[in-house]
């Protein structure tokens, strides 16, 4: 299970390889990696840099909105889950997401 699947489009920032494929068909993995052009690789790198803070731990910042770290993202994810859980427990519809749901990462796993 990958983190942040509620909002992060993993297919746009990474080449995802299943354990089975890595064990049995590394040639296909290498072929896929070799097929990535410079422009596609640069675009993936830019998109990854845009979400880098979600994966980097750093000491708490004075303004976590300006310089969030992985801990801030994880706390935000926990808050969203708690709000949804409370809404469902009360028989209410969960709060709407402010972001469109990205594709399921399973759709791009080799």
N, C-alpha and C. Protein backbone atom coordinates (compact mmCIF):
# COMPACT_ATOMS: atom_id res chain seq x y z
N UNK A 1 0.85 -1.17 0.00
CA UNK A 1 0.00 0.00 0.00
C UNK A 1 0.90 1.24 0.00
N UNK A 2 0.60 2.13 -0.90
CA UNK A 2 1.40 3.35 -1.02
C UNK A 2 0.77 4.48 -0.22
N UNK A 3 1.57 5.36 0.33
CA UNK A 3 1.00 6.49 1.06
C UNK A 3 0.41 7.54 0.13
N UNK A 4 -0.50 8.31 0.67
CA UNK A 4 -1.06 9.49 0.00
C UNK A 4 -1.85 9.16 -1.27
N UNK A 5 -2.35 7.96 -1.41
CA UNK A 5 -3.09 7.61 -2.62
C UNK A 5 -4.39 8.39 -2.75
N UNK A 6 -4.81 9.03 -1.68
CA UNK A 6 -6.03 9.84 -1.72
C UNK A 6 -5.83 11.07 -2.61
N UNK A 7 -4.61 11.54 -2.74
CA UNK A 7 -4.36 12.76 -3.51
C UNK A 7 -3.17 12.71 -4.45
N UNK A 8 -2.30 11.74 -4.30
CA UNK A 8 -1.07 11.69 -5.09
C UNK A 8 -1.21 10.71 -6.26
N UNK A 9 -0.91 11.18 -7.46
CA UNK A 9 -0.94 10.32 -8.64
C UNK A 9 0.44 9.69 -8.80
N UNK A 10 0.60 8.51 -8.24
CA UNK A 10 1.87 7.81 -8.27
C UNK A 10 2.34 7.51 -9.69
N UNK A 11 1.39 7.32 -10.60
CA UNK A 11 1.74 6.98 -11.98
C UNK A 11 2.48 8.12 -12.68
N UNK A 12 2.34 9.33 -12.16
CA UNK A 12 3.00 10.48 -12.78
C UNK A 12 4.36 10.80 -12.17
N UNK A 13 4.70 10.15 -11.05
CA UNK A 13 5.98 10.47 -10.41
C UNK A 13 6.93 9.29 -10.31
N UNK A 14 6.46 8.09 -10.64
CA UNK A 14 7.31 6.91 -10.42
C UNK A 14 6.99 5.81 -11.41
N UNK A 15 7.95 4.93 -11.58
CA UNK A 15 7.72 3.69 -12.30
C UNK A 15 7.51 2.65 -11.20
N UNK A 16 6.31 2.11 -11.12
CA UNK A 16 5.97 1.17 -10.06
C UNK A 16 6.16 -0.26 -10.56
N UNK A 17 6.86 -1.05 -9.77
CA UNK A 17 7.17 -2.42 -10.16
C UNK A 17 6.71 -3.34 -9.04
N UNK A 18 5.89 -4.31 -9.39
CA UNK A 18 5.45 -5.28 -8.38
C UNK A 18 6.62 -6.16 -7.96
N UNK A 19 6.51 -6.71 -6.79
CA UNK A 19 7.57 -7.61 -6.31
C UNK A 19 7.69 -8.81 -7.26
N UNK A 20 6.56 -9.31 -7.72
CA UNK A 20 6.57 -10.46 -8.64
C UNK A 20 7.33 -10.14 -9.92
N UNK A 21 7.07 -8.97 -10.50
CA UNK A 21 7.76 -8.59 -11.73
C UNK A 21 9.25 -8.40 -11.47
N UNK A 22 9.58 -7.79 -10.34
CA UNK A 22 10.99 -7.58 -10.00
C UNK A 22 11.73 -8.91 -9.85
N UNK A 23 11.04 -9.90 -9.32
CA UNK A 23 11.68 -11.21 -9.12
C UNK A 23 11.77 -12.03 -10.41
N UNK A 24 10.78 -11.87 -11.28
CA UNK A 24 10.70 -12.80 -12.41
C UNK A 24 10.96 -12.18 -13.78
N UNK A 25 10.92 -10.85 -13.89
CA UNK A 25 11.03 -10.25 -15.21
C UNK A 25 11.77 -8.92 -15.16
N UNK A 26 12.96 -8.96 -14.60
CA UNK A 26 13.75 -7.74 -14.49
C UNK A 26 14.09 -7.18 -15.87
N UNK A 27 14.14 -8.02 -16.87
CA UNK A 27 14.41 -7.53 -18.23
C UNK A 27 13.32 -6.56 -18.68
N UNK A 28 12.07 -6.85 -18.33
CA UNK A 28 10.97 -5.95 -18.69
C UNK A 28 11.09 -4.64 -17.92
N UNK A 29 11.49 -4.71 -16.69
CA UNK A 29 11.67 -3.50 -15.89
C UNK A 29 12.76 -2.63 -16.51
N UNK A 30 13.89 -3.23 -16.81
CA UNK A 30 14.99 -2.48 -17.42
C UNK A 30 14.59 -1.91 -18.78
N UNK A 31 13.84 -2.67 -19.54
CA UNK A 31 13.38 -2.20 -20.84
C UNK A 31 12.46 -0.99 -20.67
N UNK A 32 11.56 -1.05 -19.68
CA UNK A 32 10.66 0.09 -19.41
C UNK A 32 11.45 1.31 -19.00
N UNK A 33 12.43 1.13 -18.14
CA UNK A 33 13.25 2.26 -17.69
C UNK A 33 14.06 2.86 -18.84
N UNK A 34 14.58 2.01 -19.69
CA UNK A 34 15.35 2.49 -20.84
C UNK A 34 14.47 3.23 -21.84
N UNK A 35 13.19 2.90 -21.87
CA UNK A 35 12.26 3.53 -22.82
C UNK A 35 11.80 4.92 -22.38
N UNK A 36 12.10 5.28 -21.16
CA UNK A 36 11.69 6.60 -20.67
C UNK A 36 12.59 7.65 -21.33
N UNK A 37 11.97 8.56 -22.04
CA UNK A 37 12.73 9.61 -22.71
C UNK A 37 13.14 10.70 -21.74
N UNK A 38 14.04 11.55 -22.20
CA UNK A 38 14.53 12.64 -21.35
C UNK A 38 13.41 13.57 -20.92
N UNK A 39 12.48 13.87 -21.82
CA UNK A 39 11.38 14.78 -21.48
C UNK A 39 10.46 14.15 -20.43
N UNK A 40 10.13 12.87 -20.61
CA UNK A 40 9.27 12.19 -19.64
C UNK A 40 9.96 12.10 -18.28
N UNK A 41 11.25 11.78 -18.29
CA UNK A 41 11.99 11.70 -17.02
C UNK A 41 12.04 13.06 -16.33
N UNK A 42 12.26 14.11 -17.10
CA UNK A 42 12.30 15.46 -16.52
C UNK A 42 10.93 15.85 -15.95
N UNK A 43 9.87 15.49 -16.65
CA UNK A 43 8.52 15.80 -16.17
C UNK A 43 8.23 15.03 -14.87
N UNK A 44 8.61 13.77 -14.82
CA UNK A 44 8.41 12.98 -13.60
C UNK A 44 9.20 13.58 -12.44
N UNK A 45 10.42 13.99 -12.71
CA UNK A 45 11.26 14.58 -11.67
C UNK A 45 10.65 15.88 -11.15
N UNK A 46 10.12 16.72 -12.05
CA UNK A 46 9.48 17.98 -11.62
C UNK A 46 8.26 17.69 -10.74
N UNK A 47 7.45 16.72 -11.17
CA UNK A 47 6.26 16.39 -10.37
C UNK A 47 6.65 15.80 -9.02
N UNK A 48 7.71 15.02 -8.99
CA UNK A 48 8.19 14.47 -7.73
C UNK A 48 8.71 15.58 -6.82
N UNK A 49 9.42 16.54 -7.37
CA UNK A 49 9.91 17.67 -6.57
C UNK A 49 8.74 18.46 -5.98
N UNK A 50 7.62 18.52 -6.70
CA UNK A 50 6.44 19.24 -6.19
C UNK A 50 5.87 18.60 -4.93
N UNK A 51 6.06 17.29 -4.76
CA UNK A 51 5.50 16.59 -3.60
C UNK A 51 6.58 16.10 -2.64
N UNK A 52 7.79 16.53 -2.85
CA UNK A 52 8.94 16.09 -2.04
C UNK A 52 8.71 16.25 -0.55
N UNK A 53 8.12 17.36 -0.14
CA UNK A 53 7.93 17.62 1.29
C UNK A 53 7.12 16.53 1.98
N UNK A 54 6.27 15.84 1.25
CA UNK A 54 5.45 14.78 1.85
C UNK A 54 6.30 13.57 2.26
N UNK A 55 7.53 13.51 1.79
CA UNK A 55 8.39 12.36 2.07
C UNK A 55 9.64 12.71 2.89
N UNK A 56 9.84 13.97 3.19
CA UNK A 56 11.05 14.42 3.88
C UNK A 56 10.71 14.82 5.31
N UNK A 57 11.42 14.21 6.26
CA UNK A 57 11.25 14.62 7.65
C UNK A 57 12.23 15.73 7.95
N UNK A 58 11.74 16.72 8.64
CA UNK A 58 12.61 17.78 9.15
C UNK A 58 12.02 18.25 10.47
N UNK A 59 12.79 18.91 11.30
CA UNK A 59 12.25 19.41 12.57
C UNK A 59 11.06 20.34 12.30
N UNK A 60 10.14 20.43 13.25
CA UNK A 60 8.97 21.28 13.05
C UNK A 60 9.36 22.71 12.68
N UNK A 61 8.69 23.24 11.67
CA UNK A 61 8.96 24.60 11.21
C UNK A 61 8.08 25.57 11.98
N UNK A 62 8.50 26.81 12.05
CA UNK A 62 7.70 27.84 12.69
C UNK A 62 6.36 27.99 11.97
N UNK A 63 6.39 27.84 10.64
CA UNK A 63 5.18 27.93 9.84
C UNK A 63 5.06 26.66 8.99
N UNK A 64 4.38 25.61 9.52
CA UNK A 64 4.32 24.36 8.78
C UNK A 64 3.56 24.46 7.45
N UNK A 65 2.74 25.49 7.29
CA UNK A 65 2.08 25.67 6.00
C UNK A 65 3.06 26.12 4.93
N UNK A 66 4.04 26.90 5.33
CA UNK A 66 5.04 27.39 4.38
C UNK A 66 6.11 26.33 4.11
N UNK A 67 6.45 25.53 5.12
CA UNK A 67 7.48 24.51 4.96
C UNK A 67 7.03 23.22 5.66
N UNK A 68 6.07 22.51 5.05
CA UNK A 68 5.60 21.28 5.69
C UNK A 68 6.62 20.16 5.55
N UNK A 69 6.51 19.18 6.42
CA UNK A 69 7.36 18.00 6.31
C UNK A 69 6.46 16.77 6.28
N UNK A 70 7.06 15.61 6.18
CA UNK A 70 6.29 14.37 6.13
C UNK A 70 5.36 14.25 7.34
N UNK A 71 5.82 14.68 8.51
CA UNK A 71 4.98 14.59 9.70
C UNK A 71 3.71 15.43 9.54
N UNK A 72 3.82 16.61 8.95
CA UNK A 72 2.66 17.45 8.73
C UNK A 72 1.68 16.79 7.76
N UNK A 73 2.21 16.19 6.71
CA UNK A 73 1.35 15.49 5.75
C UNK A 73 0.65 14.30 6.41
N UNK A 74 1.39 13.55 7.22
CA UNK A 74 0.79 12.39 7.89
C UNK A 74 -0.29 12.82 8.88
N UNK A 75 -0.05 13.89 9.62
CA UNK A 75 -1.07 14.40 10.53
C UNK A 75 -2.31 14.86 9.77
N UNK A 76 -2.10 15.52 8.65
CA UNK A 76 -3.24 15.96 7.83
C UNK A 76 -4.02 14.76 7.31
N UNK A 77 -3.33 13.70 6.89
CA UNK A 77 -4.01 12.49 6.42
C UNK A 77 -4.83 11.88 7.57
N UNK A 78 -4.25 11.85 8.77
CA UNK A 78 -4.98 11.32 9.92
C UNK A 78 -6.21 12.13 10.25
N UNK A 79 -6.13 13.44 10.12
CA UNK A 79 -7.29 14.30 10.38
C UNK A 79 -8.40 14.04 9.37
N UNK A 80 -8.04 13.88 8.11
CA UNK A 80 -9.05 13.59 7.08
C UNK A 80 -9.73 12.26 7.39
N UNK A 81 -8.95 11.26 7.74
CA UNK A 81 -9.52 9.94 8.06
C UNK A 81 -10.43 10.03 9.28
N UNK A 82 -10.03 10.79 10.30
CA UNK A 82 -10.85 10.93 11.50
C UNK A 82 -12.17 11.63 11.19
N UNK A 83 -12.12 12.68 10.36
CA UNK A 83 -13.37 13.36 9.98
C UNK A 83 -14.30 12.43 9.22
N UNK A 84 -13.75 11.64 8.33
CA UNK A 84 -14.58 10.69 7.58
C UNK A 84 -15.16 9.63 8.50
N UNK A 85 -14.35 9.12 9.41
CA UNK A 85 -14.81 8.10 10.35
C UNK A 85 -15.95 8.64 11.20
N UNK A 86 -15.78 9.85 11.74
CA UNK A 86 -16.83 10.45 12.56
C UNK A 86 -18.11 10.68 11.77
N UNK A 87 -17.98 11.13 10.55
CA UNK A 87 -19.15 11.38 9.71
C UNK A 87 -19.89 10.07 9.44
N UNK A 88 -19.14 9.03 9.09
CA UNK A 88 -19.77 7.74 8.82
C UNK A 88 -20.40 7.16 10.06
N UNK A 89 -19.75 7.31 11.23
CA UNK A 89 -20.30 6.80 12.48
C UNK A 89 -21.59 7.52 12.85
N UNK A 90 -21.70 8.78 12.45
CA UNK A 90 -22.91 9.56 12.74
C UNK A 90 -23.96 9.39 11.65
N UNK A 91 -23.66 8.57 10.64
CA UNK A 91 -24.61 8.35 9.55
C UNK A 91 -24.65 9.48 8.54
N UNK A 92 -23.62 10.29 8.52
CA UNK A 92 -23.56 11.42 7.58
C UNK A 92 -22.67 11.07 6.40
N UNK A 93 -22.83 11.83 5.35
CA UNK A 93 -21.94 11.66 4.21
C UNK A 93 -20.57 12.20 4.58
N UNK A 94 -19.50 11.53 4.15
CA UNK A 94 -18.17 12.06 4.47
C UNK A 94 -17.96 13.41 3.81
N UNK A 95 -17.13 14.26 4.41
CA UNK A 95 -16.86 15.56 3.80
C UNK A 95 -16.27 15.40 2.40
N UNK A 96 -16.63 16.27 1.49
CA UNK A 96 -16.09 16.14 0.13
C UNK A 96 -14.60 16.45 0.10
N UNK A 97 -13.94 15.82 -0.83
CA UNK A 97 -12.51 16.08 -1.02
C UNK A 97 -12.35 17.34 -1.85
N UNK A 98 -11.31 18.11 -1.55
CA UNK A 98 -11.05 19.32 -2.32
C UNK A 98 -10.23 19.02 -3.57
N UNK A 99 -9.71 17.82 -3.66
CA UNK A 99 -8.90 17.42 -4.81
C UNK A 99 -9.60 16.28 -5.54
N UNK A 100 -9.47 16.26 -6.86
CA UNK A 100 -10.00 15.09 -7.57
C UNK A 100 -9.18 13.85 -7.23
N UNK A 101 -9.83 12.72 -7.14
CA UNK A 101 -9.13 11.49 -6.80
C UNK A 101 -8.25 11.06 -7.98
N UNK A 102 -6.98 10.80 -7.72
CA UNK A 102 -6.08 10.36 -8.79
C UNK A 102 -6.38 8.91 -9.17
N UNK A 103 -5.83 8.45 -10.28
CA UNK A 103 -6.04 7.06 -10.66
C UNK A 103 -5.45 6.11 -9.62
N UNK A 104 -6.00 4.92 -9.57
CA UNK A 104 -5.49 3.89 -8.68
C UNK A 104 -4.08 3.52 -9.12
N UNK A 105 -3.10 3.55 -8.20
CA UNK A 105 -1.72 3.22 -8.60
C UNK A 105 -1.60 1.81 -9.19
N UNK A 106 -2.53 0.94 -8.86
CA UNK A 106 -2.48 -0.43 -9.42
C UNK A 106 -2.58 -0.41 -10.94
N UNK A 107 -3.15 0.68 -11.49
CA UNK A 107 -3.32 0.76 -12.93
C UNK A 107 -2.00 0.95 -13.68
N UNK A 108 -0.94 1.29 -12.96
CA UNK A 108 0.34 1.52 -13.66
C UNK A 108 1.48 0.68 -13.10
N UNK A 109 1.16 -0.33 -12.30
CA UNK A 109 2.21 -1.20 -11.76
C UNK A 109 2.60 -2.22 -12.81
N UNK A 110 3.88 -2.36 -12.98
CA UNK A 110 4.39 -3.38 -13.93
C UNK A 110 4.28 -4.75 -13.28
